[in-house]
Amino acid sequence: MIIGNCISKLFPIYFFSGDIRFYLDATDFQQEGYYYWEHTGKNLTYTNWHGNEPQGGKNQNCIWKFGVNINYEWIDISCFEPAAYMCEKEGN
């Protein structure tokens, strides 16, 4: 899911309830600290990082949108951690 502004970030909050975590379509795999949307290759124009995130490192190249215990903010994490995912589909 690509999140372009603070309004579109609200969708998962209403759609999911409880302590859920899922991957966003963003990564810094190509260049450390340079996050972009994997699907489009565009830079992130909006972020919602939690506290001291992103912590960086070569093992934390993906982003989780985390549940209620951190107010649905983002953390960078390994791309191999078990989590849910959400698909985005073009409208008609």
PDB file of N, CA and C in Angstrom:
ATOM      1  N   MET A   1       0.840  -1.170   0.000  1.00  0.00           N
ATOM      2  CA  MET A   1       0.000   0.000   0.000  1.00  0.00           C
ATOM      3  C   MET A   1       0.886   1.234   0.000  1.00  0.00           C
ATOM      4  N   ILE A   2       0.591   2.152  -0.877  1.00  0.00           N
ATOM      5  CA  ILE A   2       1.341   3.401  -0.954  1.00  0.00           C
ATOM      6  C   ILE A   2       0.567   4.455  -0.179  1.00  0.00           C
ATOM      7  N   ILE A   3       1.253   5.107   0.736  1.00  0.00           N
ATOM      8  CA  ILE A   3       0.622   6.153   1.543  1.00  0.00           C
ATOM      9  C   ILE A   3       1.239   7.479   1.145  1.00  0.00           C
ATOM     10  N   GLY A   4       0.434   8.346   0.545  1.00  0.00           N
ATOM     11  CA  GLY A   4       0.957   9.600   0.033  1.00  0.00           C
ATOM     12  C   GLY A   4       0.707  10.799   0.910  1.00  0.00           C
ATOM     13  N   ASN A   5      -0.177  10.685   1.875  1.00  0.00           N
ATOM     14  CA  ASN A   5      -0.464  11.829   2.741  1.00  0.00           C
ATOM     15  C   ASN A   5      -1.106  11.352   4.039  1.00  0.00           C
ATOM     16  N   CYS A   6      -1.348  12.292   4.938  1.00  0.00           N
ATOM     17  CA  CYS A   6      -1.877  11.909   6.245  1.00  0.00           C
ATOM     18  C   CYS A   6      -3.317  11.433   6.159  1.00  0.00           C
ATOM     19  N   ILE A   7      -4.049  11.787   5.117  1.00  0.00           N
ATOM     20  CA  ILE A   7      -5.427  11.320   4.994  1.00  0.00           C
ATOM     21  C   ILE A   7      -5.450   9.844   4.602  1.00  0.00           C
ATOM     22  N   SER A   8      -4.618   9.460   3.627  1.00  0.00           N
ATOM     23  CA  SER A   8      -4.637   8.064   3.197  1.00  0.00           C
ATOM     24  C   SER A   8      -4.083   7.136   4.267  1.00  0.00           C
ATOM     25  N   LYS A   9      -3.326   7.648   5.220  1.00  0.00           N
ATOM     26  CA  LYS A   9      -2.823   6.786   6.289  1.00  0.00           C
ATOM     27  C   LYS A   9      -3.943   6.368   7.228  1.00  0.00           C
ATOM     28  N   LEU A  10      -5.065   7.063   7.220  1.00  0.00           N
ATOM     29  CA  LEU A  10      -6.162   6.735   8.118  1.00  0.00           C
ATOM     30  C   LEU A  10      -6.915   5.483   7.692  1.00  0.00           C
ATOM     31  N   PHE A  11      -6.889   5.129   6.417  1.00  0.00           N
ATOM     32  CA  PHE A  11      -7.641   3.977   5.936  1.00  0.00           C
ATOM     33  C   PHE A  11      -7.356   2.715   6.733  1.00  0.00           C
ATOM     34  N   PRO A  12      -6.089   2.320   6.925  1.00  0.00           N
ATOM     35  CA  PRO A  12      -5.847   1.083   7.673  1.00  0.00           C
ATOM     36  C   PRO A  12      -6.289   1.157   9.126  1.00  0.00           C
ATOM     37  N   ILE A  13      -6.325   2.330   9.703  1.00  0.00           N
ATOM     38  CA  ILE A  13      -6.758   2.454  11.089  1.00  0.00           C
ATOM     39  C   ILE A  13      -8.225   2.067  11.215  1.00  0.00           C
ATOM     40  N   TYR A  14      -9.048   2.489  10.268  1.00  0.00           N
ATOM     41  CA  TYR A  14     -10.461   2.153  10.310  1.00  0.00           C
ATOM     42  C   TYR A  14     -10.723   0.742   9.803  1.00  0.00           C
ATOM     43  N   PHE A  15      -9.901   0.273   8.910  1.00  0.00           N
ATOM     44  CA  PHE A  15     -10.090  -1.037   8.306  1.00  0.00           C
ATOM     45  C   PHE A  15      -9.694  -2.160   9.263  1.00  0.00           C
ATOM     46  N   PHE A  16      -8.610  -1.966  10.004  1.00  0.00           N
ATOM     47  CA  PHE A  16      -8.119  -2.971  10.948  1.00  0.00           C
ATOM     48  C   PHE A  16      -8.360  -2.490  12.369  1.00  0.00           C
ATOM     49  N   SER A  17      -8.551  -3.420  13.257  1.00  0.00           N
ATOM     50  CA  SER A  17      -8.620  -3.050  14.670  1.00  0.00           C
ATOM     51  C   SER A  17      -7.684  -3.965  15.438  1.00  0.00           C
ATOM     52  N   GLY A  18      -7.268  -3.509  16.584  1.00  0.00           N
ATOM     53  CA  GLY A  18      -6.369  -4.308  17.398  1.00  0.00           C
ATOM     54  C   GLY A  18      -4.913  -4.075  17.053  1.00  0.00           C
ATOM     55  N   ASP A  19      -4.079  -4.969  17.553  1.00  0.00           N
ATOM     56  CA  ASP A  19      -2.636  -4.812  17.401  1.00  0.00           C
ATOM     57  C   ASP A  19      -2.150  -5.576  16.176  1.00  0.00           C
ATOM     58  N   ILE A  20      -2.306  -4.988  15.018  1.00  0.00           N
ATOM     59  CA  ILE A  20      -1.879  -5.635  13.781  1.00  0.00           C
ATOM     60  C   ILE A  20      -0.653  -4.912  13.243  1.00  0.00           C
ATOM     61  N   ARG A  21       0.180  -5.634  12.544  1.00  0.00           N
ATOM     62  CA  ARG A  21       1.327  -5.031  11.873  1.00  0.00           C
ATOM     63  C   ARG A  21       1.354  -5.563  10.452  1.00  0.00           C
ATOM     64  N   PHE A  22       1.668  -4.680   9.519  1.00  0.00           N
ATOM     65  CA  PHE A  22       1.762  -5.134   8.137  1.00  0.00           C
ATOM     66  C   PHE A  22       2.791  -4.313   7.387  1.00  0.00           C
ATOM     67  N   TYR A  23       3.307  -4.922   6.343  1.00  0.00           N
ATOM     68  CA  TYR A  23       4.322  -4.279   5.521  1.00  0.00           C
ATOM     69  C   TYR A  23       3.717  -3.208   4.633  1.00  0.00           C
ATOM     70  N   LEU A  24       4.454  -2.124   4.468  1.00  0.00           N
ATOM     71  CA  LEU A  24       4.142  -1.131   3.457  1.00  0.00           C
ATOM     72  C   LEU A  24       5.001  -1.428   2.234  1.00  0.00           C
ATOM     73  N   ASP A  25       4.699  -0.825   1.125  1.00  0.00           N
ATOM     74  CA  ASP A  25       5.415  -1.054  -0.130  1.00  0.00           C
ATOM     75  C   ASP A  25       6.634  -0.139  -0.241  1.00  0.00           C
ATOM     76  N   ALA A  26       7.292   0.120   0.859  1.00  0.00           N
ATOM     77  CA  ALA A  26       8.443   1.030   0.834  1.00  0.00           C
ATOM     78  C   ALA A  26       9.690   0.313   1.336  1.00  0.00           C
ATOM     79  N   THR A  27      10.843   0.712   0.816  1.00  0.00           N
ATOM     80  CA  THR A  27      12.101   0.081   1.178  1.00  0.00           C
ATOM     81  C   THR A  27      13.259   1.041   0.977  1.00  0.00           C
ATOM     82  N   ASP A  28      14.378   0.735   1.603  1.00  0.00           N
ATOM     83  CA  ASP A  28      15.626   1.442   1.307  1.00  0.00           C
ATOM     84  C   ASP A  28      16.685   0.425   0.876  1.00  0.00           C
ATOM     85  N   PHE A  29      16.221  -0.644   0.255  1.00  0.00           N
ATOM     86  CA  PHE A  29      17.094  -1.746  -0.140  1.00  0.00           C
ATOM     87  C   PHE A  29      18.209  -1.307  -1.097  1.00  0.00           C
ATOM     88  N   GLN A  30      17.906  -0.420  -2.032  1.00  0.00           N
ATOM     89  CA  GLN A  30      18.898   0.014  -3.025  1.00  0.00           C
ATOM     90  C   GLN A  30      19.974   0.914  -2.431  1.00  0.00           C
ATOM     91  N   GLN A  31      19.570   1.802  -1.534  1.00  0.00           N
ATOM     92  CA  GLN A  31      20.509   2.758  -0.929  1.00  0.00           C
ATOM     93  C   GLN A  31      20.070   3.037   0.511  1.00  0.00           C
ATOM     94  N   GLU A  32      20.919   2.719   1.458  1.00  0.00           N
ATOM     95  CA  GLU A  32      20.588   2.863   2.877  1.00  0.00           C
ATOM     96  C   GLU A  32      20.143   4.291   3.213  1.00  0.00           C
ATOM     97  N   GLY A  33      18.976   4.388   3.862  1.00  0.00           N
ATOM     98  CA  GLY A  33      18.446   5.678   4.281  1.00  0.00           C
ATOM     99  C   GLY A  33      17.626   6.400   3.227  1.00  0.00           C
ATOM    100  N   TYR A  34      17.571   5.878   2.010  1.00  0.00           N
ATOM    101  CA  TYR A  34      16.816   6.479   0.905  1.00  0.00           C
ATOM    102  C   TYR A  34      15.588   5.600   0.662  1.00  0.00           C
ATOM    103  N   TYR A  35      14.460   5.969   1.270  1.00  0.00           N
ATOM    104  CA  TYR A  35      13.246   5.160   1.155  1.00  0.00           C
ATOM    105  C   TYR A  35      12.431   5.579  -0.056  1.00  0.00           C
ATOM    106  N   TYR A  36      11.908   4.588  -0.745  1.00  0.00           N
ATOM    107  CA  TYR A  36      11.083   4.805  -1.935  1.00  0.00           C
ATOM    108  C   TYR A  36      10.012   3.723  -1.990  1.00  0.00           C
ATOM    109  N   TRP A  37       8.963   4.011  -2.760  1.00  0.00           N
ATOM    110  CA  TRP A  37       7.897   3.036  -2.961  1.00  0.00           C
ATOM    111  C   TRP A  37       8.362   2.008  -3.979  1.00  0.00           C
ATOM    112  N   GLU A  38       8.374   0.751  -3.586  1.00  0.00           N
ATOM    113  CA  GLU A  38       8.855  -0.331  -4.447  1.00  0.00           C
ATOM    114  C   GLU A  38       8.057  -0.407  -5.746  1.00  0.00           C
ATOM    115  N   HIS A  39       6.769  -0.249  -5.668  1.00  0.00           N
ATOM    116  CA  HIS A  39       5.882  -0.395  -6.825  1.00  0.00           C
ATOM    117  C   HIS A  39       6.108   0.680  -7.889  1.00  0.00           C
ATOM    118  N   THR A  40       6.375   1.908  -7.439  1.00  0.00           N
ATOM    119  CA  THR A  40       6.506   3.017  -8.393  1.00  0.00           C
ATOM    120  C   THR A  40       7.933   3.531  -8.543  1.00  0.00           C
ATOM    121  N   GLY A  41       8.789   3.269  -7.549  1.00  0.00           N
ATOM    122  CA  GLY A  41      10.142   3.806  -7.559  1.00  0.00           C
ATOM    123  C   GLY A  41      10.218   5.256  -7.099  1.00  0.00           C
ATOM    124  N   LYS A  42       9.092   5.839  -6.703  1.00  0.00           N
ATOM    125  CA  LYS A  42       9.062   7.246  -6.274  1.00  0.00           C
ATOM    126  C   LYS A  42       9.469   7.382  -4.815  1.00  0.00           C
ATOM    127  N   ASN A  43      10.087   8.534  -4.503  1.00  0.00           N
ATOM    128  CA  ASN A  43      10.471   8.847  -3.123  1.00  0.00           C
ATOM    129  C   ASN A  43       9.230   8.934  -2.243  1.00  0.00           C
ATOM    130  N   LEU A  44       9.405   8.646  -0.970  1.00  0.00           N
ATOM    131  CA  LEU A  44       8.321   8.854  -0.019  1.00  0.00           C
ATOM    132  C   LEU A  44       8.117  10.354   0.151  1.00  0.00           C
ATOM    133  N   THR A  45       6.900  10.824  -0.014  1.00  0.00           N
ATOM    134  CA  THR A  45       6.598  12.244   0.184  1.00  0.00           C
ATOM    135  C   THR A  45       5.944  12.472   1.533  1.00  0.00           C
ATOM    136  N   TYR A  46       5.562  11.404   2.189  1.00  0.00           N
ATOM    137  CA  TYR A  46       4.957  11.465   3.513  1.00  0.00           C
ATOM    138  C   TYR A  46       5.535  10.308   4.321  1.00  0.00           C
ATOM    139  N   THR A  47       5.865  10.558   5.575  1.00  0.00           N
ATOM    140  CA  THR A  47       6.306   9.487   6.480  1.00  0.00           C
ATOM    141  C   THR A  47       5.599   9.646   7.814  1.00  0.00           C
ATOM    142  N   ASN A  48       5.533   8.563   8.548  1.00  0.00           N
ATOM    143  CA  ASN A  48       4.905   8.584   9.871  1.00  0.00           C
ATOM    144  C   ASN A  48       5.726   7.701  10.805  1.00  0.00           C
ATOM    145  N   TRP A  49       7.031   8.001  10.919  1.00  0.00           N
ATOM    146  CA  TRP A  49       7.945   7.200  11.711  1.00  0.00           C
ATOM    147  C   TRP A  49       7.620   7.279  13.198  1.00  0.00           C
ATOM    148  N   HIS A  50       7.846   6.189  13.878  1.00  0.00           N
ATOM    149  CA  HIS A  50       7.694   6.123  15.332  1.00  0.00           C
ATOM    150  C   HIS A  50       9.012   6.510  16.004  1.00  0.00           C
ATOM    151  N   GLY A  51       8.939   7.383  16.982  1.00  0.00           N
ATOM    152  CA  GLY A  51      10.071   7.732  17.840  1.00  0.00           C
ATOM    153  C   GLY A  51      11.403   7.895  17.127  1.00  0.00           C
ATOM    154  N   ASN A  52      12.356   7.020  17.425  1.00  0.00           N
ATOM    155  CA  ASN A  52      13.700   7.130  16.845  1.00  0.00           C
ATOM    156  C   ASN A  52      13.862   6.321  15.565  1.00  0.00           C
ATOM    157  N   GLU A  53      12.776   5.987  14.925  1.00  0.00           N
ATOM    158  CA  GLU A  53      12.829   5.271  13.650  1.00  0.00           C
ATOM    159  C   GLU A  53      13.032   6.265  12.511  1.00  0.00           C
ATOM    160  N   PRO A  54      13.571   5.872  11.392  1.00  0.00           N
ATOM    161  CA  PRO A  54      14.120   4.546  11.141  1.00  0.00           C
ATOM    162  C   PRO A  54      15.472   4.383  11.824  1.00  0.00           C
ATOM    163  N   GLN A  55      15.722   3.181  12.306  1.00  0.00           N
ATOM    164  CA  GLN A  55      16.989   2.903  12.969  1.00  0.00           C
ATOM    165  C   GLN A  55      18.072   2.519  11.973  1.00  0.00           C
ATOM    166  N   GLY A  56      17.652   2.176  10.776  1.00  0.00           N
ATOM    167  CA  GLY A  56      18.614   1.872   9.723  1.00  0.00           C
ATOM    168  C   GLY A  56      19.317   0.555   9.895  1.00  0.00           C
ATOM    169  N   GLY A  57      20.366   0.426   9.151  1.00  0.00           N
ATOM    170  CA  GLY A  57      21.111  -0.824   9.167  1.00  0.00           C
ATOM    171  C   GLY A  57      20.793  -1.652   7.938  1.00  0.00           C
ATOM    172  N   LYS A  58      21.747  -2.444   7.544  1.00  0.00           N
ATOM    173  CA  LYS A  58      21.591  -3.234   6.325  1.00  0.00           C
ATOM    174  C   LYS A  58      20.565  -4.352   6.458  1.00  0.00           C
ATOM    175  N   ASN A  59      20.145  -4.659   7.679  1.00  0.00           N
ATOM    176  CA  ASN A  59      19.160  -5.717   7.879  1.00  0.00           C
ATOM    177  C   ASN A  59      17.743  -5.200   8.066  1.00  0.00           C
ATOM    178  N   GLN A  60      17.559  -3.881   8.047  1.00  0.00           N
ATOM    179  CA  GLN A  60      16.231  -3.303   8.233  1.00  0.00           C
ATOM    180  C   GLN A  60      15.877  -2.463   7.012  1.00  0.00           C
ATOM    181  N   ASN A  61      15.403  -3.118   5.977  1.00  0.00           N
ATOM    182  CA  ASN A  61      15.139  -2.443   4.708  1.00  0.00           C
ATOM    183  C   ASN A  61      13.662  -2.324   4.362  1.00  0.00           C
ATOM    184  N   CYS A  62      12.796  -2.844   5.197  1.00  0.00           N
ATOM    185  CA  CYS A  62      11.365  -2.749   4.932  1.00  0.00           C
ATOM    186  C   CYS A  62      10.688  -1.946   6.028  1.00  0.00           C
ATOM    187  N   ILE A  63       9.433  -1.577   5.791  1.00  0.00           N
ATOM    188  CA  ILE A  63       8.686  -0.756   6.749  1.00  0.00           C
ATOM    189  C   ILE A  63       7.426  -1.488   7.164  1.00  0.00           C
ATOM    190  N   TRP A  64       7.209  -1.546   8.471  1.00  0.00           N
ATOM    191  CA  TRP A  64       5.951  -2.023   9.034  1.00  0.00           C
ATOM    192  C   TRP A  64       5.124  -0.833   9.450  1.00  0.00           C
ATOM    193  N   LYS A  65       3.848  -0.923   9.216  1.00  0.00           N
ATOM    194  CA  LYS A  65       2.893  -0.024   9.862  1.00  0.00           C
ATOM    195  C   LYS A  65       2.401  -0.815  11.048  1.00  0.00           C
ATOM    196  N   PHE A  66       2.650  -0.305  12.242  1.00  0.00           N
ATOM    197  CA  PHE A  66       2.420  -1.062  13.470  1.00  0.00           C
ATOM    198  C   PHE A  66       1.114  -0.647  14.110  1.00  0.00           C
ATOM    199  N   GLY A  67       0.538  -1.512  14.895  1.00  0.00           N
ATOM    200  CA  GLY A  67      -0.785  -1.342  15.471  1.00  0.00           C
ATOM    201  C   GLY A  67      -0.927  -0.306  16.566  1.00  0.00           C
ATOM    202  N   VAL A  68      -1.971  -0.490  17.326  1.00  0.00           N
ATOM    203  CA  VAL A  68      -2.413   0.516  18.293  1.00  0.00           C
ATOM    204  C   VAL A  68      -1.383   0.850  19.361  1.00  0.00           C
ATOM    205  N   ASN A  69      -0.503  -0.088  19.700  1.00  0.00           N
ATOM    206  CA  ASN A  69       0.420   0.215  20.793  1.00  0.00           C
ATOM    207  C   ASN A  69       1.468   1.260  20.428  1.00  0.00           C
ATOM    208  N   ILE A  70       1.645   1.595  19.147  1.00  0.00           N
ATOM    209  CA  ILE A  70       2.482   2.748  18.782  1.00  0.00           C
ATOM    210  C   ILE A  70       1.740   3.676  17.815  1.00  0.00           C
ATOM    211  N   ASN A  71       0.432   3.746  17.961  1.00  0.00           N
ATOM    212  CA  ASN A  71      -0.413   4.699  17.219  1.00  0.00           C
ATOM    213  C   ASN A  71      -0.314   4.562  15.707  1.00  0.00           C
ATOM    214  N   TYR A  72      -0.157   3.346  15.216  1.00  0.00           N
ATOM    215  CA  TYR A  72      -0.124   3.068  13.776  1.00  0.00           C
ATOM    216  C   TYR A  72       1.026   3.783  13.069  1.00  0.00           C
ATOM    217  N   GLU A  73       2.099   4.012  13.796  1.00  0.00           N
ATOM    218  CA  GLU A  73       3.271   4.651  13.195  1.00  0.00           C
ATOM    219  C   GLU A  73       4.152   3.599  12.528  1.00  0.00           C
ATOM    220  N   TRP A  74       5.199   4.052  11.854  1.00  0.00           N
ATOM    221  CA  TRP A  74       6.050   3.167  11.060  1.00  0.00           C
ATOM    222  C   TRP A  74       7.336   2.824  11.789  1.00  0.00           C
ATOM    223  N   ILE A  75       7.812   1.602  11.559  1.00  0.00           N
ATOM    224  CA  ILE A  75       9.147   1.211  11.992  1.00  0.00           C
ATOM    225  C   ILE A  75       9.849   0.520  10.830  1.00  0.00           C
ATOM    226  N   ASP A  76      11.167   0.664  10.748  1.00  0.00           N
ATOM    227  CA  ASP A  76      11.893  -0.104   9.741  1.00  0.00           C
ATOM    228  C   ASP A  76      12.288  -1.433  10.366  1.00  0.00           C
ATOM    229  N   ILE A  77      12.263  -2.467   9.552  1.00  0.00           N
ATOM    230  CA  ILE A  77      12.435  -3.823  10.063  1.00  0.00           C
ATOM    231  C   ILE A  77      12.964  -4.713   8.956  1.00  0.00           C
ATOM    232  N   SER A  78      13.426  -5.876   9.335  1.00  0.00           N
ATOM    233  CA  SER A  78      13.862  -6.861   8.345  1.00  0.00           C
ATOM    234  C   SER A  78      12.694  -7.226   7.431  1.00  0.00           C
ATOM    235  N   CYS A  79      12.984  -7.463   6.195  1.00  0.00           N
ATOM    236  CA  CYS A  79      11.948  -7.840   5.218  1.00  0.00           C
ATOM    237  C   CYS A  79      11.489  -9.285   5.390  1.00  0.00           C
ATOM    238  N   PHE A  80      12.067  -9.997   6.325  1.00  0.00           N
ATOM    239  CA  PHE A  80      11.758 -11.417   6.499  1.00  0.00           C
ATOM    240  C   PHE A  80      10.994 -11.716   7.781  1.00  0.00           C
ATOM    241  N   GLU A  81      10.528 -10.681   8.478  1.00  0.00           N
ATOM    242  CA  GLU A  81       9.730 -10.880   9.681  1.00  0.00           C
ATOM    243  C   GLU A  81       8.295 -11.235   9.284  1.00  0.00           C
ATOM    244  N   PRO A  82       7.652 -12.155  10.018  1.00  0.00           N
ATOM    245  CA  PRO A  82       6.265 -12.494   9.680  1.00  0.00           C
ATOM    246  C   PRO A  82       5.322 -11.331   9.985  1.00  0.00           C
ATOM    247  N   ALA A  83       4.520 -10.976   9.028  1.00  0.00           N
ATOM    248  CA  ALA A  83       3.545  -9.897   9.189  1.00  0.00           C
ATOM    249  C   ALA A  83       2.510 -10.004   8.083  1.00  0.00           C
ATOM    250  N   ALA A  84       1.440  -9.300   8.248  1.00  0.00           N
ATOM    251  CA  ALA A  84       0.393  -9.247   7.228  1.00  0.00           C
ATOM    252  C   ALA A  84       0.835  -8.340   6.090  1.00  0.00           C
ATOM    253  N   TYR A  85       0.097  -8.349   5.041  1.00  0.00           N
ATOM    254  CA  TYR A  85       0.341  -7.429   3.946  1.00  0.00           C
ATOM    255  C   TYR A  85      -0.995  -6.998   3.373  1.00  0.00           C
ATOM    256  N   MET A  86      -0.978  -5.916   2.649  1.00  0.00           N
ATOM    257  CA  MET A  86      -2.192  -5.380   2.047  1.00  0.00           C
ATOM    258  C   MET A  86      -1.899  -5.118   0.577  1.00  0.00           C
ATOM    259  N   CYS A  87      -2.816  -5.502  -0.270  1.00  0.00           N
ATOM    260  CA  CYS A  87      -2.648  -5.264  -1.709  1.00  0.00           C
ATOM    261  C   CYS A  87      -3.425  -4.029  -2.109  1.00  0.00           C
ATOM    262  N   GLU A  88      -2.885  -3.317  -3.073  1.00  0.00           N
ATOM    263  CA  GLU A  88      -3.554  -2.129  -3.599  1.00  0.00           C
ATOM    264  C   GLU A  88      -3.976  -2.440  -5.015  1.00  0.00           C
ATOM    265  N   LYS A  89      -5.183  -2.055  -5.373  1.00  0.00           N
ATOM    266  CA  LYS A  89      -5.697  -2.320  -6.709  1.00  0.00           C
ATOM    267  C   LYS A  89      -6.169  -1.019  -7.337  1.00  0.00           C
ATOM    268  N   GLU A  90      -5.825  -0.843  -8.584  1.00  0.00           N
ATOM    269  CA  GLU A  90      -6.284   0.339  -9.339  1.00  0.00           C
ATOM    270  C   GLU A  90      -7.787   0.323  -9.450  1.00  0.00           C
ATOM    271  N   GLY A  91      -8.405   1.487  -9.343  1.00  0.00           N
ATOM    272  CA  GLY A  91      -9.848   1.606  -9.503  1.00  0.00           C
ATOM    273  C   GLY A  91     -10.230   1.632 -10.974  1.00  0.00           C
ATOM    274  N   ASN A  92     -11.514   1.515 -11.255  1.00  0.00           N
ATOM    275  CA  ASN A  92     -12.000   1.553 -12.652  1.00  0.00           C
ATOM    276  C   ASN A  92     -11.999   2.945 -13.204  1.00  0.00           C
TER     277      ASN A  92
END
